[in-house]
mmCIF file of all heavy atoms, coordinates in Angstrom:
data_MODEL
# 
_entry.id   MODEL 
# 
loop_
_atom_site.group_PDB 
_atom_site.id 
_atom_site.type_symbol 
_atom_site.label_atom_id 
_atom_site.label_alt_id 
_atom_site.label_comp_id 
_atom_site.label_asym_id 
_atom_site.label_entity_id 
_atom_site.label_seq_id 
_atom_site.pdbx_PDB_ins_code 
_atom_site.Cartn_x 
_atom_site.Cartn_y 
_atom_site.Cartn_z 
_atom_site.occupancy 
_atom_site.B_iso_or_equiv 
_atom_site.pdbx_formal_charge 
_atom_site.auth_seq_id 
_atom_site.auth_comp_id 
_atom_site.auth_asym_id 
_atom_site.auth_atom_id 
_atom_site.pdbx_PDB_model_num 
ATOM 1   N N   . ASP A 1 1  ? 0.826  -1.209  0.000  1.00 0.00 ? 1  ASP A N   1 
ATOM 2   C CA  . ASP A 1 1  ? 0.000  0.000   0.000  1.00 0.00 ? 1  ASP A CA  1 
ATOM 3   C C   . ASP A 1 1  ? 0.866  1.266   0.000  1.00 0.00 ? 1  ASP A C   1 
ATOM 4   O O   . ASP A 1 1  ? 0.483  2.290   -0.572 1.00 0.00 ? 1  ASP A O   1 
ATOM 5   C CB  . ASP A 1 1  ? -0.923 0.018   1.228  1.00 0.00 ? 1  ASP A CB  1 
ATOM 6   C CG  . ASP A 1 1  ? -2.018 -1.039  1.143  1.00 0.00 ? 1  ASP A CG  1 
ATOM 7   O OD1 . ASP A 1 1  ? -2.316 -1.494  0.023  1.00 0.00 ? 1  ASP A OD1 1 
ATOM 8   O OD2 . ASP A 1 1  ? -2.562 -1.398  2.198  1.00 0.00 ? 1  ASP A OD2 1 
ATOM 9   N N   . LEU A 1 2  ? 2.020  1.188   0.642  1.00 0.00 ? 2  LEU A N   1 
ATOM 10  C CA  . LEU A 1 2  ? 2.923  2.338   0.704  1.00 0.00 ? 2  LEU A CA  1 
ATOM 11  C C   . LEU A 1 2  ? 3.812  2.460   -0.528 1.00 0.00 ? 2  LEU A C   1 
ATOM 12  O O   . LEU A 1 2  ? 4.630  3.382   -0.622 1.00 0.00 ? 2  LEU A O   1 
ATOM 13  C CB  . LEU A 1 2  ? 3.785  2.264   1.967  1.00 0.00 ? 2  LEU A CB  1 
ATOM 14  C CG  . LEU A 1 2  ? 3.039  2.503   3.286  1.00 0.00 ? 2  LEU A CG  1 
ATOM 15  C CD1 . LEU A 1 2  ? 3.935  2.208   4.482  1.00 0.00 ? 2  LEU A CD1 1 
ATOM 16  C CD2 . LEU A 1 2  ? 2.525  3.935   3.370  1.00 0.00 ? 2  LEU A CD2 1 
ATOM 17  N N   . GLY A 1 3  ? 3.656  1.527   -1.461 1.00 0.00 ? 3  GLY A N   1 
ATOM 18  C CA  . GLY A 1 3  ? 4.334  1.652   -2.746 1.00 0.00 ? 3  GLY A CA  1 
ATOM 19  C C   . GLY A 1 3  ? 5.760  1.173   -2.808 1.00 0.00 ? 3  GLY A C   1 
ATOM 20  O O   . GLY A 1 3  ? 6.490  1.529   -3.733 1.00 0.00 ? 3  GLY A O   1 
ATOM 21  N N   . VAL A 1 4  ? 6.183  0.337   -1.844 1.00 0.00 ? 4  VAL A N   1 
ATOM 22  C CA  . VAL A 1 4  ? 7.569  -0.135  -1.871 1.00 0.00 ? 4  VAL A CA  1 
ATOM 23  C C   . VAL A 1 4  ? 7.657  -1.659  -1.816 1.00 0.00 ? 4  VAL A C   1 
ATOM 24  O O   . VAL A 1 4  ? 8.705  -2.221  -1.488 1.00 0.00 ? 4  VAL A O   1 
ATOM 25  C CB  . VAL A 1 4  ? 8.388  0.494   -0.719 1.00 0.00 ? 4  VAL A CB  1 
ATOM 26  C CG1 . VAL A 1 4  ? 8.498  1.994   -0.900 1.00 0.00 ? 4  VAL A CG1 1 
ATOM 27  C CG2 . VAL A 1 4  ? 7.791  0.157   0.639  1.00 0.00 ? 4  VAL A CG2 1 
ATOM 28  N N   . GLY A 1 5  ? 6.573  -2.330  -2.169 1.00 0.00 ? 5  GLY A N   1 
ATOM 29  C CA  . GLY A 1 5  ? 6.561  -3.784  -2.129 1.00 0.00 ? 5  GLY A CA  1 
ATOM 30  C C   . GLY A 1 5  ? 7.577  -4.418  -3.055 1.00 0.00 ? 5  GLY A C   1 
ATOM 31  O O   . GLY A 1 5  ? 8.054  -5.535  -2.793 1.00 0.00 ? 5  GLY A O   1 
ATOM 32  N N   . GLU A 1 6  ? 7.919  -3.743  -4.143 1.00 0.00 ? 6  GLU A N   1 
ATOM 33  C CA  . GLU A 1 6  ? 8.863  -4.313  -5.108 1.00 0.00 ? 6  GLU A CA  1 
ATOM 34  C C   . GLU A 1 6  ? 10.247 -4.528  -4.512 1.00 0.00 ? 6  GLU A C   1 
ATOM 35  O O   . GLU A 1 6  ? 11.050 -5.301  -5.052 1.00 0.00 ? 6  GLU A O   1 
ATOM 36  C CB  . GLU A 1 6  ? 8.977  -3.397  -6.326 1.00 0.00 ? 6  GLU A CB  1 
ATOM 37  C CG  . GLU A 1 6  ? 9.570  -2.027  -6.020 1.00 0.00 ? 6  GLU A CG  1 
ATOM 38  C CD  . GLU A 1 6  ? 9.704  -1.147  -7.249 1.00 0.00 ? 6  GLU A CD  1 
ATOM 39  O OE1 . GLU A 1 6  ? 10.201 -1.633  -8.282 1.00 0.00 ? 6  GLU A OE1 1 
ATOM 40  O OE2 . GLU A 1 6  ? 9.299  0.038   -7.168 1.00 0.00 ? 6  GLU A OE2 1 
ATOM 41  N N   . PHE A 1 7  ? 10.547 -3.860  -3.397 1.00 0.00 ? 7  PHE A N   1 
ATOM 42  C CA  . PHE A 1 7  ? 11.874 -3.975  -2.805 1.00 0.00 ? 7  PHE A CA  1 
ATOM 43  C C   . PHE A 1 7  ? 11.962 -5.087  -1.757 1.00 0.00 ? 7  PHE A C   1 
ATOM 44  O O   . PHE A 1 7  ? 13.046 -5.346  -1.245 1.00 0.00 ? 7  PHE A O   1 
ATOM 45  C CB  . PHE A 1 7  ? 12.274 -2.649  -2.156 1.00 0.00 ? 7  PHE A CB  1 
ATOM 46  C CG  . PHE A 1 7  ? 12.236 -1.479  -3.091 1.00 0.00 ? 7  PHE A CG  1 
ATOM 47  C CD1 . PHE A 1 7  ? 11.251 -0.510  -2.984 1.00 0.00 ? 7  PHE A CD1 1 
ATOM 48  C CD2 . PHE A 1 7  ? 13.180 -1.345  -4.101 1.00 0.00 ? 7  PHE A CD2 1 
ATOM 49  C CE1 . PHE A 1 7  ? 11.211 0.574   -3.839 1.00 0.00 ? 7  PHE A CE1 1 
ATOM 50  C CE2 . PHE A 1 7  ? 13.146 -0.269  -4.972 1.00 0.00 ? 7  PHE A CE2 1 
ATOM 51  C CZ  . PHE A 1 7  ? 12.156 0.693   -4.842 1.00 0.00 ? 7  PHE A CZ  1 
ATOM 52  N N   . CYS A 1 8  ? 10.831 -5.719  -1.411 1.00 0.00 ? 8  CYS A N   1 
ATOM 53  C CA  . CYS A 1 8  ? 10.784 -6.641  -0.276 1.00 0.00 ? 8  CYS A CA  1 
ATOM 54  C C   . CYS A 1 8  ? 10.614 -8.086  -0.723 1.00 0.00 ? 8  CYS A C   1 
ATOM 55  O O   . CYS A 1 8  ? 9.700  -8.413  -1.481 1.00 0.00 ? 8  CYS A O   1 
ATOM 56  C CB  . CYS A 1 8  ? 9.634  -6.256  0.665  1.00 0.00 ? 8  CYS A CB  1 
ATOM 57  S SG  . CYS A 1 8  ? 9.801  -4.606  1.375  1.00 0.00 ? 8  CYS A SG  1 
ATOM 58  N N   . ASP A 1 9  ? 11.497 -8.947  -0.230 1.00 0.00 ? 9  ASP A N   1 
ATOM 59  C CA  . ASP A 1 9  ? 11.421 -10.386 -0.481 1.00 0.00 ? 9  ASP A CA  1 
ATOM 60  C C   . ASP A 1 9  ? 11.405 -11.129 0.850  1.00 0.00 ? 9  ASP A C   1 
ATOM 61  O O   . ASP A 1 9  ? 12.131 -10.757 1.786  1.00 0.00 ? 9  ASP A O   1 
ATOM 62  C CB  . ASP A 1 9  ? 12.622 -10.867 -1.304 1.00 0.00 ? 9  ASP A CB  1 
ATOM 63  C CG  . ASP A 1 9  ? 12.668 -10.264 -2.692 1.00 0.00 ? 9  ASP A CG  1 
ATOM 64  O OD1 . ASP A 1 9  ? 11.610 -10.203 -3.347 1.00 0.00 ? 9  ASP A OD1 1 
ATOM 65  O OD2 . ASP A 1 9  ? 13.763 -9.843  -3.125 1.00 0.00 ? 9  ASP A OD2 1 
ATOM 66  N N   . ILE A 1 10 ? 10.596 -12.185 0.932  1.00 0.00 ? 10 ILE A N   1 
ATOM 67  C CA  . ILE A 1 10 ? 10.583 -13.015 2.132  1.00 0.00 ? 10 ILE A CA  1 
ATOM 68  C C   . ILE A 1 10 ? 11.876 -13.823 2.170  1.00 0.00 ? 10 ILE A C   1 
ATOM 69  O O   . ILE A 1 10 ? 12.268 -14.464 1.198  1.00 0.00 ? 10 ILE A O   1 
ATOM 70  C CB  . ILE A 1 10 ? 9.367  -13.956 2.136  1.00 0.00 ? 10 ILE A CB  1 
ATOM 71  C CG1 . ILE A 1 10 ? 8.080  -13.142 2.181  1.00 0.00 ? 10 ILE A CG1 1 
ATOM 72  C CG2 . ILE A 1 10 ? 9.442  -14.914 3.321  1.00 0.00 ? 10 ILE A CG2 1 
ATOM 73  C CD1 . ILE A 1 10 ? 6.831  -13.973 1.973  1.00 0.00 ? 10 ILE A CD1 1 
ATOM 74  N N   . SER A 1 11 ? 12.557 -13.783 3.327  1.00 0.00 ? 11 SER A N   1 
ATOM 75  C CA  . SER A 1 11 ? 13.812 -14.511 3.499  1.00 0.00 ? 11 SER A CA  1 
ATOM 76  C C   . SER A 1 11 ? 13.916 -14.940 4.955  1.00 0.00 ? 11 SER A C   1 
ATOM 77  O O   . SER A 1 11 ? 14.384 -14.185 5.809  1.00 0.00 ? 11 SER A O   1 
ATOM 78  C CB  . SER A 1 11 ? 15.012 -13.630 3.116  1.00 0.00 ? 11 SER A CB  1 
ATOM 79  O OG  . SER A 1 11 ? 16.225 -14.258 3.466  1.00 0.00 ? 11 SER A OG  1 
ATOM 80  N N   . LEU A 1 12 ? 13.478 -16.162 5.252  1.00 0.00 ? 12 LEU A N   1 
ATOM 81  C CA  . LEU A 1 12 ? 13.437 -16.619 6.640  1.00 0.00 ? 12 LEU A CA  1 
ATOM 82  C C   . LEU A 1 12 ? 14.821 -16.914 7.200  1.00 0.00 ? 12 LEU A C   1 
ATOM 83  O O   . LEU A 1 12 ? 14.961 -17.140 8.407  1.00 0.00 ? 12 LEU A O   1 
ATOM 84  C CB  . LEU A 1 12 ? 12.540 -17.851 6.759  1.00 0.00 ? 12 LEU A CB  1 
ATOM 85  C CG  . LEU A 1 12 ? 11.074 -17.623 6.375  1.00 0.00 ? 12 LEU A CG  1 
ATOM 86  C CD1 . LEU A 1 12 ? 10.256 -18.877 6.607  1.00 0.00 ? 12 LEU A CD1 1 
ATOM 87  C CD2 . LEU A 1 12 ? 10.477 -16.449 7.153  1.00 0.00 ? 12 LEU A CD2 1 
ATOM 88  N N   . THR A 1 13 ? 15.852 -16.912 6.355  1.00 0.00 ? 13 THR A N   1 
ATOM 89  C CA  . THR A 1 13 ? 17.216 -17.053 6.864  1.00 0.00 ? 13 THR A CA  1 
ATOM 90  C C   . THR A 1 13 ? 17.772 -15.728 7.360  1.00 0.00 ? 13 THR A C   1 
ATOM 91  O O   . THR A 1 13 ? 18.902 -15.654 7.836  1.00 0.00 ? 13 THR A O   1 
ATOM 92  C CB  . THR A 1 13 ? 18.151 -17.626 5.782  1.00 0.00 ? 13 THR A CB  1 
ATOM 93  O OG1 . THR A 1 13 ? 18.118 -16.777 4.632  1.00 0.00 ? 13 THR A OG1 1 
ATOM 94  C CG2 . THR A 1 13 ? 17.725 -19.040 5.389  1.00 0.00 ? 13 THR A CG2 1 
ATOM 95  N N   . THR A 1 14 ? 16.980 -14.669 7.244  1.00 0.00 ? 14 THR A N   1 
ATOM 96  C CA  . THR A 1 14 ? 17.329 -13.383 7.835  1.00 0.00 ? 14 THR A CA  1 
ATOM 97  C C   . THR A 1 14 ? 16.826 -13.369 9.276  1.00 0.00 ? 14 THR A C   1 
ATOM 98  O O   . THR A 1 14 ? 15.646 -13.593 9.519  1.00 0.00 ? 14 THR A O   1 
ATOM 99  C CB  . THR A 1 14 ? 16.690 -12.225 7.043  1.00 0.00 ? 14 THR A CB  1 
ATOM 100 O OG1 . THR A 1 14 ? 17.213 -12.227 5.708  1.00 0.00 ? 14 THR A OG1 1 
ATOM 101 C CG2 . THR A 1 14 ? 16.970 -10.888 7.702  1.00 0.00 ? 14 THR A CG2 1 
ATOM 102 N N   . ALA A 1 15 ? 17.739 -13.138 10.226 1.00 0.00 ? 15 ALA A N   1 
ATOM 103 C CA  . ALA A 1 15 ? 17.353 -13.287 11.633 1.00 0.00 ? 15 ALA A CA  1 
ATOM 104 C C   . ALA A 1 15 ? 17.654 -12.057 12.483 1.00 0.00 ? 15 ALA A C   1 
ATOM 105 O O   . ALA A 1 15 ? 16.938 -11.786 13.438 1.00 0.00 ? 15 ALA A O   1 
ATOM 106 C CB  . ALA A 1 15 ? 18.052 -14.506 12.243 1.00 0.00 ? 15 ALA A CB  1 
ATOM 107 N N   . ARG A 1 16 ? 18.697 -11.283 12.156 1.00 0.00 ? 16 ARG A N   1 
ATOM 108 C CA  . ARG A 1 16 ? 19.206 -10.210 13.022 1.00 0.00 ? 16 ARG A CA  1 
ATOM 109 C C   . ARG A 1 16 ? 19.725 -10.813 14.321 1.00 0.00 ? 16 ARG A C   1 
ATOM 110 O O   . ARG A 1 16 ? 19.026 -11.523 15.017 1.00 0.00 ? 16 ARG A O   1 
ATOM 111 C CB  . ARG A 1 16 ? 18.139 -9.150  13.312 1.00 0.00 ? 16 ARG A CB  1 
ATOM 112 C CG  . ARG A 1 16 ? 17.525 -8.529  12.083 1.00 0.00 ? 16 ARG A CG  1 
ATOM 113 C CD  . ARG A 1 16 ? 18.512 -7.687  11.310 1.00 0.00 ? 16 ARG A CD  1 
ATOM 114 N NE  . ARG A 1 16 ? 18.832 -6.451  11.996 1.00 0.00 ? 16 ARG A NE  1 
ATOM 115 C CZ  . ARG A 1 16 ? 19.991 -5.790  11.820 1.00 0.00 ? 16 ARG A CZ  1 
ATOM 116 N NH1 . ARG A 1 16 ? 20.923 -6.273  11.036 1.00 0.00 ? 16 ARG A NH1 1 
ATOM 117 N NH2 . ARG A 1 16 ? 20.208 -4.648  12.440 1.00 0.00 ? 16 ARG A NH2 1 
ATOM 118 N N   . GLY A 1 17 ? 20.951 -10.547 14.669 1.00 0.00 ? 17 GLY A N   1 
ATOM 119 C CA  . GLY A 1 17 ? 21.618 -11.253 15.749 1.00 0.00 ? 17 GLY A CA  1 
ATOM 120 C C   . GLY A 1 17 ? 21.282 -10.802 17.148 1.00 0.00 ? 17 GLY A C   1 
ATOM 121 O O   . GLY A 1 17 ? 21.454 -11.561 18.096 1.00 0.00 ? 17 GLY A O   1 
ATOM 122 N N   . LEU A 1 18 ? 20.806 -9.571  17.316 1.00 0.00 ? 18 LEU A N   1 
ATOM 123 C CA  . LEU A 1 18 ? 20.572 -9.072  18.673 1.00 0.00 ? 18 LEU A CA  1 
ATOM 124 C C   . LEU A 1 18 ? 19.330 -9.708  19.286 1.00 0.00 ? 18 LEU A C   1 
ATOM 125 O O   . LEU A 1 18 ? 18.298 -9.844  18.633 1.00 0.00 ? 18 LEU A O   1 
ATOM 126 C CB  . LEU A 1 18 ? 20.426 -7.548  18.647 1.00 0.00 ? 18 LEU A CB  1 
ATOM 127 C CG  . LEU A 1 18 ? 21.692 -6.800  18.199 1.00 0.00 ? 18 LEU A CG  1 
ATOM 128 C CD1 . LEU A 1 18 ? 21.405 -5.320  18.019 1.00 0.00 ? 18 LEU A CD1 1 
ATOM 129 C CD2 . LEU A 1 18 ? 22.827 -7.011  19.197 1.00 0.00 ? 18 LEU A CD2 1 
ATOM 130 N N   . ASP A 1 19 ? 19.442 -10.067 20.556 1.00 0.00 ? 19 ASP A N   1 
ATOM 131 C CA  . ASP A 1 19 ? 18.387 -10.841 21.211 1.00 0.00 ? 19 ASP A CA  1 
ATOM 132 C C   . ASP A 1 19 ? 17.100 -10.060 21.419 1.00 0.00 ? 19 ASP A C   1 
ATOM 133 O O   . ASP A 1 19 ? 16.040 -10.653 21.619 1.00 0.00 ? 19 ASP A O   1 
ATOM 134 C CB  . ASP A 1 19 ? 18.882 -11.351 22.569 1.00 0.00 ? 19 ASP A CB  1 
ATOM 135 C CG  . ASP A 1 19 ? 19.933 -12.447 22.426 1.00 0.00 ? 19 ASP A CG  1 
ATOM 136 O OD1 . ASP A 1 19 ? 20.013 -13.054 21.341 1.00 0.00 ? 19 ASP A OD1 1 
ATOM 137 O OD2 . ASP A 1 19 ? 20.675 -12.685 23.402 1.00 0.00 ? 19 ASP A OD2 1 
ATOM 138 N N   . TYR A 1 20 ? 17.152 -8.719  21.400 1.00 0.00 ? 20 TYR A N   1 
ATOM 139 C CA  . TYR A 1 20 ? 15.938 -7.978  21.738 1.00 0.00 ? 20 TYR A CA  1 
ATOM 140 C C   . TYR A 1 20 ? 14.930 -7.911  20.593 1.00 0.00 ? 20 TYR A C   1 
ATOM 141 O O   . TYR A 1 20 ? 13.812 -7.439  20.778 1.00 0.00 ? 20 TYR A O   1 
ATOM 142 C CB  . TYR A 1 20 ? 16.248 -6.577  22.265 1.00 0.00 ? 20 TYR A CB  1 
ATOM 143 C CG  . TYR A 1 20 ? 17.092 -5.678  21.394 1.00 0.00 ? 20 TYR A CG  1 
ATOM 144 C CD1 . TYR A 1 20 ? 16.639 -5.234  20.159 1.00 0.00 ? 20 TYR A CD1 1 
ATOM 145 C CD2 . TYR A 1 20 ? 18.337 -5.245  21.835 1.00 0.00 ? 20 TYR A CD2 1 
ATOM 146 C CE1 . TYR A 1 20 ? 17.408 -4.390  19.375 1.00 0.00 ? 20 TYR A CE1 1 
ATOM 147 C CE2 . TYR A 1 20 ? 19.111 -4.392  21.065 1.00 0.00 ? 20 TYR A CE2 1 
ATOM 148 C CZ  . TYR A 1 20 ? 18.643 -3.969  19.837 1.00 0.00 ? 20 TYR A CZ  1 
ATOM 149 O OH  . TYR A 1 20 ? 19.400 -3.127  19.064 1.00 0.00 ? 20 TYR A OH  1 
ATOM 150 N N   . TYR A 1 21 ? 15.289 -8.356  19.382 1.00 0.00 ? 21 TYR A N   1 
ATOM 151 C CA  . TYR A 1 21 ? 14.306 -8.365  18.291 1.00 0.00 ? 21 TYR A CA  1 
ATOM 152 C C   . TYR A 1 21 ? 13.214 -9.396  18.570 1.00 0.00 ? 21 TYR A C   1 
ATOM 153 O O   . TYR A 1 21 ? 13.485 -10.487 19.079 1.00 0.00 ? 21 TYR A O   1 
ATOM 154 C CB  . TYR A 1 21 ? 14.990 -8.669  16.960 1.00 0.00 ? 21 TYR A CB  1 
ATOM 155 C CG  . TYR A 1 21 ? 15.754 -7.499  16.400 1.00 0.00 ? 21 TYR A CG  1 
ATOM 156 C CD1 . TYR A 1 21 ? 17.138 -7.529  16.315 1.00 0.00 ? 21 TYR A CD1 1 
ATOM 157 C CD2 . TYR A 1 21 ? 15.095 -6.355  15.975 1.00 0.00 ? 21 TYR A CD2 1 
ATOM 158 C CE1 . TYR A 1 21 ? 17.844 -6.449  15.812 1.00 0.00 ? 21 TYR A CE1 1 
ATOM 159 C CE2 . TYR A 1 21 ? 15.793 -5.269  15.472 1.00 0.00 ? 21 TYR A CE2 1 
ATOM 160 C CZ  . TYR A 1 21 ? 17.169 -5.324  15.386 1.00 0.00 ? 21 TYR A CZ  1 
ATOM 161 O OH  . TYR A 1 21 ? 17.854 -4.246  14.893 1.00 0.00 ? 21 TYR A OH  1 
ATOM 162 N N   . THR A 1 22 ? 11.962 -9.039  18.227 1.00 0.00 ? 22 THR A N   1 
ATOM 163 C CA  . THR A 1 22 ? 10.828 -9.894  18.591 1.00 0.00 ? 22 THR A CA  1 
ATOM 164 C C   . THR A 1 22 ? 9.925  -10.285 17.418 1.00 0.00 ? 22 THR A C   1 
ATOM 165 O O   . THR A 1 22 ? 9.283  -11.324 17.468 1.00 0.00 ? 22 THR A O   1 
ATOM 166 C CB  . THR A 1 22 ? 9.941  -9.183  19.628 1.00 0.00 ? 22 THR A CB  1 
ATOM 167 O OG1 . THR A 1 22 ? 9.505  -7.925  19.081 1.00 0.00 ? 22 THR A OG1 1 
ATOM 168 C CG2 . THR A 1 22 ? 10.697 -8.946  20.931 1.00 0.00 ? 22 THR A CG2 1 
ATOM 169 N N   . GLY A 1 23 ? 9.799  -9.476  16.409 1.00 0.00 ? 23 GLY A N   1 
ATOM 170 C CA  . GLY A 1 23 ? 8.825  -9.731  15.347 1.00 0.00 ? 23 GLY A CA  1 
ATOM 171 C C   . GLY A 1 23 ? 9.446  -9.653  13.970 1.00 0.00 ? 23 GLY A C   1 
ATOM 172 O O   . GLY A 1 23 ? 10.427 -10.334 13.668 1.00 0.00 ? 23 GLY A O   1 
ATOM 173 N N   . VAL A 1 24 ? 8.876  -8.803  13.130 1.00 0.00 ? 24 VAL A N   1 
ATOM 174 C CA  . VAL A 1 24 ? 9.400  -8.621  11.776 1.00 0.00 ? 24 VAL A CA  1 
ATOM 175 C C   . VAL A 1 24 ? 10.802 -8.040  11.845 1.00 0.00 ? 24 VAL A C   1 
ATOM 176 O O   . VAL A 1 24 ? 11.062 -7.086  12.583 1.00 0.00 ? 24 VAL A O   1 
ATOM 177 C CB  . VAL A 1 24 ? 8.468  -7.702  10.955 1.00 0.00 ? 24 VAL A CB  1 
ATOM 178 C CG1 . VAL A 1 24 ? 9.145  -7.267  9.654  1.00 0.00 ? 24 VAL A CG1 1 
ATOM 179 C CG2 . VAL A 1 24 ? 7.163  -8.424  10.634 1.00 0.00 ? 24 VAL A CG2 1 
ATOM 180 N N   . VAL A 1 25 ? 11.718 -8.629  11.087 1.00 0.00 ? 25 VAL A N   1 
ATOM 181 C CA  . VAL A 1 25 ? 13.081 -8.111  10.956 1.00 0.00 ? 25 VAL A CA  1 
ATOM 182 C C   . VAL A 1 25 ? 13.421 -8.080  9.471  1.00 0.00 ? 25 VAL A C   1 
ATOM 183 O O   . VAL A 1 25 ? 12.829 -8.811  8.670  1.00 0.00 ? 25 VAL A O   1 
ATOM 184 C CB  . VAL A 1 25 ? 14.113 -8.971  11.711 1.00 0.00 ? 25 VAL A CB  1 
ATOM 185 C CG1 . VAL A 1 25 ? 13.927 -8.849  13.208 1.00 0.00 ? 25 VAL A CG1 1 
ATOM 186 C CG2 . VAL A 1 25 ? 14.032 -10.434 11.276 1.00 0.00 ? 25 VAL A CG2 1 
ATOM 187 N N   . PHE A 1 26 ? 14.371 -7.244  9.114  1.00 0.00 ? 26 PHE A N   1 
ATOM 188 C CA  . PHE A 1 26 ? 14.780 -7.202  7.709  1.00 0.00 ? 26 PHE A CA  1 
ATOM 189 C C   . PHE A 1 26 ? 16.196 -6.692  7.588  1.00 0.00 ? 26 PHE A C   1 
ATOM 190 O O   . PHE A 1 26 ? 16.728 -6.048  8.491  1.00 0.00 ? 26 PHE A O   1 
ATOM 191 C CB  . PHE A 1 26 ? 13.826 -6.326  6.886  1.00 0.00 ? 26 PHE A CB  1 
ATOM 192 C CG  . PHE A 1 26 ? 13.996 -4.848  7.108  1.00 0.00 ? 26 PHE A CG  1 
ATOM 193 C CD1 . PHE A 1 26 ? 14.786 -4.082  6.272  1.00 0.00 ? 26 PHE A CD1 1 
ATOM 194 C CD2 . PHE A 1 26 ? 13.352 -4.219  8.167  1.00 0.00 ? 26 PHE A CD2 1 
ATOM 195 C CE1 . PHE A 1 26 ? 14.942 -2.721  6.479  1.00 0.00 ? 26 PHE A CE1 1 
ATOM 196 C CE2 . PHE A 1 26 ? 13.503 -2.864  8.387  1.00 0.00 ? 26 PHE A CE2 1 
ATOM 197 C CZ  . PHE A 1 26 ? 14.302 -2.106  7.531  1.00 0.00 ? 26 PHE A CZ  1 
# 
């Protein structure tokens, strides 16, 4: 809806290393 979907791909091997992350990460 915000017009930037073309830049986003699902990648479940993306995790972000810091422990405080809880939800969506990229």
